[in-house]
Structure formats: structure tokens, C-alpha cells
Amino acid sequence: MEYVQALLYKFNWWINTPEFLALLTNNRFLLILLVIILVRLKYNTYSSMWATALVNIPGTLLHELMHFLVGLVLNAHPCNFTIFPRKSPDGGYVMGSVGFRNVTFYNAVPSALAPLFLLVIGFYINRYYLPQMPLTATNYILYVLLQTIIIENAMPSKADFRVAGMYAKGVLLYSALFILWLFSLL
């Protein structure tokens, strides 16, 4: 047992040496490799609904929470919230959902595309939290895991896009606002 503890101590010392940390954090290839490994591990759980649910719950919670909060702020009246998977009529699985009672032209697009706000959260974590974090291999791997979860779950689903496109007035309104915003950047 002491041999294992000594081995773990040496391994921990080695992965936290300045040389190894510089190699780990300054190498885009290793970063991409780490993200792909995380994604592959996630997809390997897809043979079991419960393993899939367990792996996806943190991201599903963030995704559905964004729908809920934006719907609440824009008067869409969220009426149910679930992060537990269920079988859909087409044979696939729905990982989570938020139901609304008052979807209108002005709140359909932002409520449906609300998970995109996770990209803003990921950006601020990268910009303001990462520089404050002590640089260790464990912290860096946890940071990559957190950012992978945030960015992957920021993407709206097909159902989200379908709801966003249901109200042509809303699509036109938010498209015009987006174009005006882009012109304001010039």
C-alpha cells in the first residue's frame, strides 16, 4: 500500500511540474485530443439509457435551465421542468425539457434559443476565472471538462429550432435586431 501511495505522489508531482504543465496547457493538439477523449467517453455510454442520463445530467440541467430562466423573464410561463430522459415517439430519447404555457411571437425565439447564452458564460469563465485558477493538471482537466459541457450543451436542439421558427413575426423581429446589432459593431 505504501508503494502505491509513493507512486501516486510521484505521479502527482510529475504532472504538476512546470515543464509538464507548460506542455499540457500550451499545446493545442493535446487540448483537442483531451476534448475528443471526453466526447468519446460520453458517446460510449449511449448503449445504456441510465449511463447516458448520468453523464448528460450536468449539461442537460444547464441547457434546460437557460430555457426556463429566459422563458420566465419573457413571460412564457414555464410550467414543467425535467432533466430525466424519456423515450420519444420516434424511438429516440429526450434528455430533458421545459414546457411553456404562453409562447408568443416576442418570447418564442429567445426562449427556444436560450441555451446559446451558455456560450457567454463559457466565455466569461475562460476570460475571468481561468487566469485566477492555480495552474495544476487537475484544474486544467476540470476546466476543459467544464467548458466542453458548457459549449456542447449551448447548442439548441432540433425541437428548439422548430419552436423558434413557429412565429414568423418573432423570427423577423429578432433577425432585424441582430442585424442592427451587427451594424452597430462596425
N, C-alpha and C. Protein backbone atom coordinates (compact mmCIF):
# COMPACT_ATOMS: atom_id res chain seq x y z
N MET A 1 0.83 -1.19 0.00
CA MET A 1 0.00 0.00 0.00
C MET A 1 0.87 1.26 0.00
N GLU A 2 1.96 1.25 0.76
CA GLU A 2 2.86 2.40 0.79
C GLU A 2 3.50 2.63 -0.58
N TYR A 3 3.74 1.53 -1.31
CA TYR A 3 4.33 1.64 -2.64
C TYR A 3 3.37 2.38 -3.57
N VAL A 4 2.09 2.06 -3.51
CA VAL A 4 1.08 2.71 -4.35
C VAL A 4 0.98 4.19 -4.00
N GLN A 5 0.98 4.51 -2.70
CA GLN A 5 0.92 5.91 -2.28
C GLN A 5 2.15 6.68 -2.78
N ALA A 6 3.31 6.06 -2.69
CA ALA A 6 4.54 6.71 -3.17
C ALA A 6 4.48 6.92 -4.68
N LEU A 7 3.96 5.93 -5.39
CA LEU A 7 3.82 6.02 -6.84
C LEU A 7 2.85 7.15 -7.22
N LEU A 8 1.72 7.24 -6.53
CA LEU A 8 0.75 8.31 -6.78
C LEU A 8 1.34 9.68 -6.46
N TYR A 9 2.12 9.76 -5.39
CA TYR A 9 2.76 11.02 -5.03
C TYR A 9 3.72 11.47 -6.13
N LYS A 10 4.53 10.53 -6.63
CA LYS A 10 5.48 10.87 -7.69
C LYS A 10 4.76 11.26 -8.98
N PHE A 11 3.68 10.55 -9.30
CA PHE A 11 2.90 10.87 -10.49
C PHE A 11 2.30 12.27 -10.36
N ASN A 12 1.72 12.57 -9.19
CA ASN A 12 1.13 13.89 -8.95
C ASN A 12 2.20 14.97 -9.04
N TRP A 13 3.37 14.71 -8.49
CA TRP A 13 4.47 15.67 -8.58
C TRP A 13 4.85 15.90 -10.05
N TRP A 14 4.95 14.81 -10.81
CA TRP A 14 5.38 14.90 -12.21
C TRP A 14 4.39 15.68 -13.07
N ILE A 15 3.08 15.41 -12.92
CA ILE A 15 2.11 16.10 -13.77
C ILE A 15 1.95 17.56 -13.39
N ASN A 16 2.45 17.96 -12.23
CA ASN A 16 2.35 19.35 -11.81
C ASN A 16 3.69 20.09 -11.90
N THR A 17 4.67 19.49 -12.57
CA THR A 17 5.92 20.20 -12.79
C THR A 17 5.68 21.30 -13.82
N PRO A 18 6.41 22.40 -13.73
CA PRO A 18 6.21 23.50 -14.69
C PRO A 18 6.39 23.05 -16.15
N GLU A 19 7.31 22.13 -16.39
CA GLU A 19 7.54 21.67 -17.76
C GLU A 19 6.32 20.93 -18.31
N PHE A 20 5.76 20.01 -17.50
CA PHE A 20 4.60 19.25 -17.96
C PHE A 20 3.39 20.16 -18.12
N LEU A 21 3.19 21.08 -17.16
CA LEU A 21 2.05 22.00 -17.24
C LEU A 21 2.15 22.89 -18.48
N ALA A 22 3.35 23.34 -18.79
CA ALA A 22 3.53 24.16 -20.00
C ALA A 22 3.20 23.33 -21.24
N LEU A 23 3.65 22.08 -21.26
CA LEU A 23 3.34 21.20 -22.39
C LEU A 23 1.84 20.98 -22.51
N LEU A 24 1.17 20.74 -21.39
CA LEU A 24 -0.27 20.46 -21.38
C LEU A 24 -1.09 21.67 -21.79
N THR A 25 -0.77 22.82 -21.24
CA THR A 25 -1.64 24.00 -21.45
C THR A 25 -1.30 24.80 -22.70
N ASN A 26 -0.12 24.65 -23.23
CA ASN A 26 0.26 25.44 -24.40
C ASN A 26 0.21 24.64 -25.70
N ASN A 27 -0.31 23.45 -25.65
CA ASN A 27 -0.32 22.58 -26.82
C ASN A 27 -1.75 22.37 -27.28
N ARG A 28 -2.12 22.98 -28.40
CA ARG A 28 -3.50 22.86 -28.91
C ARG A 28 -3.83 21.43 -29.30
N PHE A 29 -2.84 20.69 -29.78
CA PHE A 29 -3.07 19.30 -30.15
C PHE A 29 -3.54 18.50 -28.93
N LEU A 30 -2.85 18.67 -27.79
CA LEU A 30 -3.26 17.94 -26.58
C LEU A 30 -4.63 18.38 -26.09
N LEU A 31 -4.95 19.67 -26.24
CA LEU A 31 -6.27 20.16 -25.85
C LEU A 31 -7.36 19.51 -26.70
N ILE A 32 -7.16 19.48 -28.00
CA ILE A 32 -8.15 18.86 -28.90
C ILE A 32 -8.25 17.36 -28.59
N LEU A 33 -7.11 16.72 -28.35
CA LEU A 33 -7.11 15.29 -28.00
C LEU A 33 -7.91 15.06 -26.73
N LEU A 34 -7.72 15.89 -25.72
CA LEU A 34 -8.44 15.76 -24.46
C LEU A 34 -9.95 15.92 -24.66
N VAL A 35 -10.35 16.90 -25.46
CA VAL A 35 -11.78 17.11 -25.74
C VAL A 35 -12.36 15.90 -26.48
N ILE A 36 -11.64 15.38 -27.46
CA ILE A 36 -12.13 14.22 -28.21
C ILE A 36 -12.24 13.00 -27.31
N ILE A 37 -11.29 12.81 -26.41
CA ILE A 37 -11.37 11.69 -25.46
C ILE A 37 -12.61 11.84 -24.59
N LEU A 38 -12.85 13.05 -24.08
CA LEU A 38 -14.04 13.28 -23.25
C LEU A 38 -15.33 12.99 -24.02
N VAL A 39 -15.39 13.45 -25.26
CA VAL A 39 -16.59 13.22 -26.08
C VAL A 39 -16.77 11.74 -26.38
N ARG A 40 -15.68 11.05 -26.70
CA ARG A 40 -15.76 9.60 -26.96
C ARG A 40 -16.23 8.84 -25.73
N LEU A 41 -15.71 9.20 -24.56
CA LEU A 41 -16.16 8.55 -23.33
C LEU A 41 -17.66 8.78 -23.13
N LYS A 42 -18.11 9.98 -23.45
CA LYS A 42 -19.53 10.28 -23.33
C LYS A 42 -20.36 9.41 -24.28
N TYR A 43 -19.94 9.35 -25.53
CA TYR A 43 -20.71 8.57 -26.52
C TYR A 43 -20.66 7.07 -26.25
N ASN A 44 -19.65 6.60 -25.56
CA ASN A 44 -19.59 5.18 -25.21
C ASN A 44 -20.65 4.80 -24.20
N THR A 45 -21.24 5.78 -23.51
CA THR A 45 -22.31 5.48 -22.55
C THR A 45 -23.66 5.34 -23.23
N TYR A 46 -23.76 5.66 -24.52
CA TYR A 46 -25.06 5.69 -25.18
C TYR A 46 -25.73 4.33 -25.35
N SER A 47 -25.06 3.26 -25.02
CA SER A 47 -25.71 1.95 -25.12
C SER A 47 -26.65 1.73 -23.93
N SER A 48 -26.50 2.50 -22.88
CA SER A 48 -27.36 2.40 -21.70
C SER A 48 -28.04 3.74 -21.46
N MET A 49 -29.37 3.73 -21.38
CA MET A 49 -30.10 4.97 -21.18
C MET A 49 -29.71 5.62 -19.85
N TRP A 50 -29.51 4.82 -18.81
CA TRP A 50 -29.23 5.37 -17.49
C TRP A 50 -27.80 5.90 -17.41
N ALA A 51 -26.85 5.23 -18.04
CA ALA A 51 -25.48 5.76 -18.07
C ALA A 51 -25.45 7.05 -18.88
N THR A 52 -26.20 7.09 -19.97
CA THR A 52 -26.29 8.30 -20.79
C THR A 52 -26.88 9.44 -19.97
N ALA A 53 -27.95 9.16 -19.24
CA ALA A 53 -28.60 10.19 -18.42
C ALA A 53 -27.63 10.71 -17.37
N LEU A 54 -26.90 9.82 -16.73
CA LEU A 54 -25.97 10.22 -15.68
C LEU A 54 -24.88 11.13 -16.23
N VAL A 55 -24.34 10.78 -17.38
CA VAL A 55 -23.27 11.57 -17.99
C VAL A 55 -23.81 12.91 -18.50
N ASN A 56 -25.04 12.93 -18.98
CA ASN A 56 -25.61 14.14 -19.59
C ASN A 56 -26.34 15.06 -18.62
N ILE A 57 -26.60 14.63 -17.40
CA ILE A 57 -27.40 15.44 -16.48
C ILE A 57 -26.79 16.83 -16.24
N PRO A 58 -25.49 16.98 -16.00
CA PRO A 58 -24.98 18.35 -15.78
C PRO A 58 -25.25 19.28 -16.96
N GLY A 59 -24.98 18.82 -18.17
CA GLY A 59 -25.22 19.64 -19.35
C GLY A 59 -26.69 19.86 -19.63
N THR A 60 -27.49 18.82 -19.43
CA THR A 60 -28.94 18.94 -19.63
C THR A 60 -29.52 19.94 -18.64
N LEU A 61 -29.04 19.91 -17.41
CA LEU A 61 -29.50 20.86 -16.41
C LEU A 61 -29.20 22.30 -16.85
N LEU A 62 -27.99 22.55 -17.32
CA LEU A 62 -27.64 23.89 -17.79
C LEU A 62 -28.51 24.31 -18.98
N HIS A 63 -28.66 23.41 -19.96
CA HIS A 63 -29.44 23.69 -21.17
C HIS A 63 -30.88 24.04 -20.82
N GLU A 64 -31.51 23.18 -20.03
CA GLU A 64 -32.92 23.39 -19.70
C GLU A 64 -33.10 24.59 -18.76
N LEU A 65 -32.13 24.84 -17.90
CA LEU A 65 -32.19 25.99 -17.01
C LEU A 65 -32.19 27.30 -17.81
N MET A 66 -31.43 27.35 -18.89
CA MET A 66 -31.43 28.54 -19.74
C MET A 66 -32.82 28.75 -20.36
N HIS A 67 -33.44 27.67 -20.88
CA HIS A 67 -34.82 27.79 -21.41
C HIS A 67 -35.74 28.33 -20.32
N PHE A 68 -35.66 27.74 -19.15
CA PHE A 68 -36.56 28.10 -18.05
C PHE A 68 -36.39 29.57 -17.66
N LEU A 69 -35.14 30.01 -17.45
CA LEU A 69 -34.90 31.38 -16.99
C LEU A 69 -35.31 32.43 -18.02
N VAL A 70 -34.97 32.20 -19.29
CA VAL A 70 -35.36 33.16 -20.32
C VAL A 70 -36.88 33.16 -20.49
N GLY A 71 -37.49 32.00 -20.47
CA GLY A 71 -38.95 31.92 -20.55
C GLY A 71 -39.63 32.63 -19.38
N LEU A 72 -39.05 32.50 -18.21
CA LEU A 72 -39.59 33.16 -17.02
C LEU A 72 -39.48 34.68 -17.15
N VAL A 73 -38.33 35.16 -17.59
CA VAL A 73 -38.11 36.61 -17.74
C VAL A 73 -39.02 37.19 -18.82
N LEU A 74 -39.24 36.44 -19.92
CA LEU A 74 -40.02 36.95 -21.05
C LEU A 74 -41.50 36.54 -21.02
N ASN A 75 -41.97 36.12 -19.84
CA ASN A 75 -43.40 35.86 -19.66
C ASN A 75 -43.92 34.68 -20.49
N ALA A 76 -43.10 33.68 -20.70
CA ALA A 76 -43.56 32.49 -21.43
C ALA A 76 -44.22 31.49 -20.49
N HIS A 77 -44.22 31.75 -19.20
CA HIS A 77 -44.84 30.91 -18.17
C HIS A 77 -44.35 29.46 -18.21
N PRO A 78 -43.11 29.20 -17.80
CA PRO A 78 -42.65 27.81 -17.75
C PRO A 78 -43.55 27.01 -16.82
N CYS A 79 -43.99 25.84 -17.28
CA CYS A 79 -44.93 25.06 -16.47
C CYS A 79 -44.39 23.71 -16.05
N ASN A 80 -43.35 23.22 -16.69
CA ASN A 80 -42.71 21.99 -16.21
C ASN A 80 -41.23 22.02 -16.57
N PHE A 81 -40.46 21.26 -15.82
CA PHE A 81 -39.02 21.26 -15.98
C PHE A 81 -38.54 19.86 -15.63
N THR A 82 -37.88 19.21 -16.57
CA THR A 82 -37.34 17.88 -16.26
C THR A 82 -35.98 17.71 -16.92
N ILE A 83 -35.10 17.02 -16.22
CA ILE A 83 -33.79 16.69 -16.79
C ILE A 83 -33.61 15.18 -16.89
N PHE A 84 -34.68 14.45 -16.66
CA PHE A 84 -34.61 12.99 -16.72
C PHE A 84 -35.05 12.52 -18.10
N PRO A 85 -34.35 11.56 -18.66
CA PRO A 85 -34.65 11.12 -20.03
C PRO A 85 -35.97 10.36 -20.12
N ARG A 86 -36.57 10.47 -21.29
CA ARG A 86 -37.77 9.68 -21.58
C ARG A 86 -37.72 9.31 -23.06
N LYS A 87 -38.38 8.24 -23.37
CA LYS A 87 -38.40 7.77 -24.75
C LYS A 87 -39.36 8.64 -25.56
N SER A 88 -38.92 9.06 -26.72
CA SER A 88 -39.78 9.88 -27.58
C SER A 88 -40.55 8.96 -28.53
N PRO A 89 -41.61 9.48 -29.15
CA PRO A 89 -42.41 8.66 -30.06
C PRO A 89 -41.62 8.11 -31.26
N ASP A 90 -40.54 8.81 -31.66
CA ASP A 90 -39.76 8.34 -32.81
C ASP A 90 -38.73 7.28 -32.43
N GLY A 91 -38.70 6.87 -31.15
CA GLY A 91 -37.78 5.82 -30.71
C GLY A 91 -36.51 6.32 -30.08
N GLY A 92 -36.22 7.62 -30.19
CA GLY A 92 -35.03 8.18 -29.56
C GLY A 92 -35.32 8.56 -28.12
N TYR A 93 -34.42 9.31 -27.53
CA TYR A 93 -34.60 9.76 -26.15
C TYR A 93 -34.58 11.28 -26.10
N VAL A 94 -35.44 11.81 -25.26
CA VAL A 94 -35.45 13.23 -24.96
C VAL A 94 -34.77 13.35 -23.60
N MET A 95 -33.64 14.06 -23.55
CA MET A 95 -32.86 14.11 -22.32
C MET A 95 -33.48 15.02 -21.26
N GLY A 96 -34.20 16.03 -21.66
CA GLY A 96 -34.85 16.94 -20.72
C GLY A 96 -35.78 17.86 -21.48
N SER A 97 -36.58 18.60 -20.75
CA SER A 97 -37.49 19.53 -21.43
C SER A 97 -38.03 20.57 -20.46
N VAL A 98 -38.48 21.65 -21.04
CA VAL A 98 -39.19 22.70 -20.31
C VAL A 98 -40.44 22.99 -21.12
N GLY A 99 -41.58 23.00 -20.46
CA GLY A 99 -42.83 23.34 -21.12
C GLY A 99 -43.22 24.77 -20.79
N PHE A 100 -43.89 25.41 -21.74
CA PHE A 100 -44.34 26.79 -21.55
C PHE A 100 -45.84 26.87 -21.84
N ARG A 101 -46.54 27.76 -21.13
CA ARG A 101 -47.97 27.96 -21.34
C ARG A 101 -48.29 29.19 -22.16
N ASN A 102 -47.33 30.09 -22.35
CA ASN A 102 -47.62 31.36 -23.01
C ASN A 102 -46.56 31.69 -24.05
N VAL A 103 -46.41 30.84 -25.04
CA VAL A 103 -45.42 31.09 -26.09
C VAL A 103 -46.06 32.01 -27.12
N THR A 104 -45.40 33.17 -27.35
CA THR A 104 -45.91 34.17 -28.29
C THR A 104 -44.79 34.58 -29.23
N PHE A 105 -45.10 35.49 -30.16
CA PHE A 105 -44.09 35.90 -31.15
C PHE A 105 -42.88 36.56 -30.51
N TYR A 106 -43.05 37.27 -29.40
CA TYR A 106 -41.93 38.00 -28.82
C TYR A 106 -41.07 37.15 -27.88
N ASN A 107 -41.60 36.01 -27.41
CA ASN A 107 -40.78 35.21 -26.49
C ASN A 107 -40.40 33.83 -27.03
N ALA A 108 -40.93 33.43 -28.17
CA ALA A 108 -40.64 32.10 -28.70
C ALA A 108 -39.17 31.96 -29.11
N VAL A 109 -38.65 32.91 -29.86
CA VAL A 109 -37.27 32.81 -30.36
C VAL A 109 -36.26 32.85 -29.21
N PRO A 110 -36.32 33.86 -28.32
CA PRO A 110 -35.32 33.85 -27.24
C PRO A 110 -35.47 32.68 -26.27
N SER A 111 -36.69 32.25 -25.99
CA SER A 111 -36.88 31.11 -25.09
C SER A 111 -36.35 29.82 -25.70
N ALA A 112 -36.58 29.66 -27.00
CA ALA A 112 -36.13 28.44 -27.67
C ALA A 112 -34.62 28.41 -27.87
N LEU A 113 -34.02 29.57 -28.15
CA LEU A 113 -32.58 29.63 -28.41
C LEU A 113 -31.78 30.05 -27.17
N ALA A 114 -32.40 30.03 -26.01
CA ALA A 114 -31.77 30.45 -24.76
C ALA A 114 -30.48 29.72 -24.42
N PRO A 115 -30.32 28.44 -24.75
CA PRO A 115 -29.05 27.78 -24.41
C PRO A 115 -27.82 28.45 -25.02
N LEU A 116 -28.01 29.26 -26.07
CA LEU A 116 -26.86 29.98 -26.64
C LEU A 116 -26.22 30.91 -25.62
N PHE A 117 -26.97 31.34 -24.60
CA PHE A 117 -26.39 32.17 -23.54
C PHE A 117 -25.29 31.43 -22.77
N LEU A 118 -25.29 30.10 -22.85
CA LEU A 118 -24.21 29.34 -22.20
C LEU A 118 -22.86 29.68 -22.82
N LEU A 119 -22.85 30.07 -24.10
CA LEU A 119 -21.59 30.46 -24.73
C LEU A 119 -21.01 31.70 -24.06
N VAL A 120 -21.89 32.61 -23.65
CA VAL A 120 -21.44 33.81 -22.94
C VAL A 120 -20.84 33.42 -21.59
N ILE A 121 -21.50 32.49 -20.90
CA ILE A 121 -20.99 32.02 -19.61
C ILE A 121 -19.63 31.35 -19.79
N GLY A 122 -19.52 30.50 -20.81
CA GLY A 122 -18.24 29.84 -21.09
C GLY A 122 -17.14 30.84 -21.41
N PHE A 123 -17.49 31.89 -22.16
CA PHE A 123 -16.53 32.93 -22.50
C PHE A 123 -16.02 33.63 -21.23
N TYR A 124 -16.94 34.00 -20.33
CA TYR A 124 -16.54 34.69 -19.10
C TYR A 124 -15.74 33.79 -18.17
N ILE A 125 -16.07 32.52 -18.12
CA ILE A 125 -15.25 31.58 -17.32
C ILE A 125 -13.83 31.55 -17.88
N ASN A 126 -13.72 31.48 -19.20
CA ASN A 126 -12.42 31.45 -19.83
C ASN A 126 -11.65 32.75 -19.60
N ARG A 127 -12.33 33.85 -19.71
CA ARG A 127 -11.67 35.16 -19.65
C ARG A 127 -11.31 35.60 -18.24
N TYR A 128 -12.21 35.33 -17.28
CA TYR A 128 -12.02 35.90 -15.95
C TYR A 128 -11.71 34.87 -14.86
N TYR A 129 -12.20 33.65 -14.99
CA TYR A 129 -11.96 32.66 -13.94
C TYR A 129 -10.67 31.88 -14.18
N LEU A 130 -10.43 31.47 -15.41
CA LEU A 130 -9.25 30.66 -15.71
C LEU A 130 -7.95 31.34 -15.28
N PRO A 131 -7.75 32.64 -15.55
CA PRO A 131 -6.49 33.26 -15.10
C PRO A 131 -6.32 33.29 -13.57
N GLN A 132 -7.42 33.21 -12.82
CA GLN A 132 -7.35 33.24 -11.36
C GLN A 132 -7.10 31.86 -10.76
N MET A 133 -7.31 30.81 -11.54
CA MET A 133 -7.19 29.45 -11.07
C MET A 133 -5.72 29.06 -10.93
N PRO A 134 -5.34 28.39 -9.81
CA PRO A 134 -3.96 27.89 -9.73
C PRO A 134 -3.74 26.86 -10.84
N LEU A 135 -2.62 26.95 -11.51
CA LEU A 135 -2.35 26.05 -12.62
C LEU A 135 -1.84 24.71 -12.12
N THR A 136 -2.73 23.72 -12.17
CA THR A 136 -2.37 22.33 -11.90
C THR A 136 -2.98 21.50 -13.02
N ALA A 137 -2.48 20.30 -13.20
CA ALA A 137 -3.02 19.44 -14.24
C ALA A 137 -4.48 19.11 -13.96
N THR A 138 -4.82 18.87 -12.70
CA THR A 138 -6.21 18.55 -12.33
C THR A 138 -7.13 19.72 -12.63
N ASN A 139 -6.73 20.93 -12.24
CA ASN A 139 -7.55 22.11 -12.52
C ASN A 139 -7.74 22.31 -14.01
N TYR A 140 -6.68 22.11 -14.78
CA TYR A 140 -6.77 22.30 -16.23
C TYR A 140 -7.72 21.27 -16.85
N ILE A 141 -7.63 20.03 -16.45
CA ILE A 141 -8.52 18.99 -16.99
C ILE A 141 -9.96 19.26 -16.58
N LEU A 142 -10.18 19.69 -15.35
CA LEU A 142 -11.54 20.04 -14.91
C LEU A 142 -12.08 21.24 -15.68
N TYR A 143 -11.21 22.21 -15.95
CA TYR A 143 -11.60 23.37 -16.76
C TYR A 143 -12.02 22.93 -18.16
N VAL A 144 -11.24 22.06 -18.79
CA VAL A 144 -11.58 21.57 -20.14
C VAL A 144 -12.89 20.79 -20.09
N LEU A 145 -13.09 19.98 -19.07
CA LEU A 145 -14.34 19.23 -18.93
C LEU A 145 -15.52 20.18 -18.78
N LEU A 146 -15.41 21.18 -17.92
CA LEU A 146 -16.49 22.15 -17.72
C LEU A 146 -16.80 22.91 -19.01
N GLN A 147 -15.78 23.39 -19.69
CA GLN A 147 -16.00 24.13 -20.93
C GLN A 147 -16.61 23.23 -22.01
N THR A 148 -16.19 21.97 -22.06
CA THR A 148 -16.77 21.02 -23.04
C THR A 148 -18.25 20.84 -22.76
N ILE A 149 -18.62 20.67 -21.49
CA ILE A 149 -20.03 20.51 -21.12
C ILE A 149 -20.82 21.78 -21.48
N ILE A 150 -20.29 22.94 -21.14
CA ILE A 150 -20.99 24.20 -21.40
C ILE A 150 -21.19 24.42 -22.90
N ILE A 151 -20.12 24.29 -23.67
CA ILE A 151 -20.21 24.58 -25.10
C ILE A 151 -21.06 23.55 -25.83
N GLU A 152 -20.92 22.27 -25.48
CA GLU A 152 -21.72 21.25 -26.15
C GLU A 152 -23.21 21.44 -25.88
N ASN A 153 -23.56 21.84 -24.68
CA ASN A 153 -24.97 21.99 -24.33
C ASN A 153 -25.53 23.37 -24.64
N ALA A 154 -24.71 24.25 -25.20
CA ALA A 154 -25.19 25.56 -25.64
C ALA A 154 -25.90 25.46 -26.99
N MET A 155 -25.73 24.36 -27.66
CA MET A 155 -26.33 24.21 -28.98
C MET A 155 -27.81 23.86 -28.86
N PRO A 156 -28.68 24.68 -29.45
CA PRO A 156 -30.11 24.35 -29.42
C PRO A 156 -30.39 23.05 -30.20
N SER A 157 -31.41 22.34 -29.74
CA SER A 157 -31.79 21.08 -30.40
C SER A 157 -32.69 21.36 -31.60
N LYS A 158 -33.00 20.32 -32.35
CA LYS A 158 -33.93 20.45 -33.49
C LYS A 158 -35.28 20.97 -33.01
N ALA A 159 -35.74 20.46 -31.86
CA ALA A 159 -37.02 20.90 -31.31
C ALA A 159 -36.96 22.38 -30.94
N ASP A 160 -35.81 22.84 -30.44
CA ASP A 160 -35.66 24.26 -30.10
C ASP A 160 -35.78 25.12 -31.35
N PHE A 161 -35.12 24.71 -32.43
CA PHE A 161 -35.21 25.48 -33.68
C PHE A 161 -36.63 25.44 -34.24
N ARG A 162 -37.31 24.32 -34.08
CA ARG A 162 -38.68 24.21 -34.57
C ARG A 162 -39.59 25.20 -33.83
N VAL A 163 -39.43 25.29 -32.50
CA VAL A 163 -40.24 26.24 -31.72
C VAL A 163 -39.88 27.67 -32.09
N ALA A 164 -38.59 27.96 -32.25
CA ALA A 164 -38.15 29.31 -32.61
C ALA A 164 -38.72 29.75 -33.95
N GLY A 165 -38.88 28.83 -34.88
CA GLY A 165 -39.37 29.17 -36.22
C GLY A 165 -40.87 29.18 -36.36
N MET A 166 -41.60 28.87 -35.29
CA MET A 166 -43.06 28.81 -35.37
C MET A 166 -43.71 30.17 -35.54
N TYR A 167 -43.05 31.22 -35.13
CA TYR A 167 -43.64 32.55 -35.15
C TYR A 167 -42.82 33.43 -36.09
N ALA A 168 -43.32 33.63 -37.32
CA ALA A 168 -42.59 34.39 -38.34
C ALA A 168 -42.32 35.82 -37.87
N LYS A 169 -43.30 36.43 -37.17
CA LYS A 169 -43.09 37.79 -36.66
C LYS A 169 -41.90 37.84 -35.71
N GLY A 170 -41.78 36.85 -34.87
CA GLY A 170 -40.68 36.80 -33.92
C GLY A 170 -39.35 36.59 -34.61
N VAL A 171 -39.32 35.73 -35.61
CA VAL A 171 -38.09 35.50 -36.37
C VAL A 171 -37.66 36.79 -37.06
N LEU A 172 -38.61 37.50 -37.68
CA LEU A 172 -38.29 38.78 -38.34
C LEU A 172 -37.82 39.82 -37.33
N LEU A 173 -38.50 39.91 -36.18
CA LEU A 173 -38.14 40.87 -35.15
C LEU A 173 -36.71 40.65 -34.67
N TYR A 174 -36.38 39.42 -34.31
CA TYR A 174 -35.05 39.14 -33.76
C TYR A 174 -33.97 39.13 -34.83
N SER A 175 -34.34 38.81 -36.07
CA SER A 175 -33.38 38.92 -37.17
C SER A 175 -33.02 40.38 -37.39
N ALA A 176 -34.02 41.25 -37.37
CA ALA A 176 -33.77 42.70 -37.55
C ALA A 176 -32.92 43.24 -36.40
N LEU A 177 -33.23 42.85 -35.18
CA LEU A 177 -32.44 43.30 -34.03
C LEU A 177 -30.99 42.80 -34.13
N PHE A 178 -30.81 41.58 -34.58
CA PHE A 178 -29.47 41.02 -34.74
C PHE A 178 -28.69 41.79 -35.81
N ILE A 179 -29.34 42.09 -36.92
CA ILE A 179 -28.68 42.84 -38.00
C ILE A 179 -28.31 44.24 -37.52
N LEU A 180 -29.23 44.91 -36.80
CA LEU A 180 -28.92 46.23 -36.24
C LEU A 180 -27.73 46.16 -35.28
N TRP A 181 -27.68 45.13 -34.47
CA TRP A 181 -26.57 44.94 -33.53
C TRP A 181 -25.25 44.77 -34.30
N LEU A 182 -25.29 43.95 -35.38
CA LEU A 182 -24.09 43.75 -36.18
C LEU A 182 -23.60 45.07 -36.79
N PHE A 183 -24.54 45.89 -37.30
CA PHE A 183 -24.16 47.19 -37.87
C PHE A 183 -23.60 48.13 -36.80
N SER A 184 -24.08 48.00 -35.58
CA SER A 184 -23.57 48.86 -34.50
C SER A 184 -22.12 48.51 -34.15
N LEU A 185 -21.69 47.32 -34.48
CA LEU A 185 -20.31 46.91 -34.21
C LEU A 185 -19.33 47.51 -35.21
N LEU A 186 -19.85 47.91 -36.39
CA LEU A 186 -18.96 48.45 -37.43
C LEU A 186 -18.51 49.84 -37.17
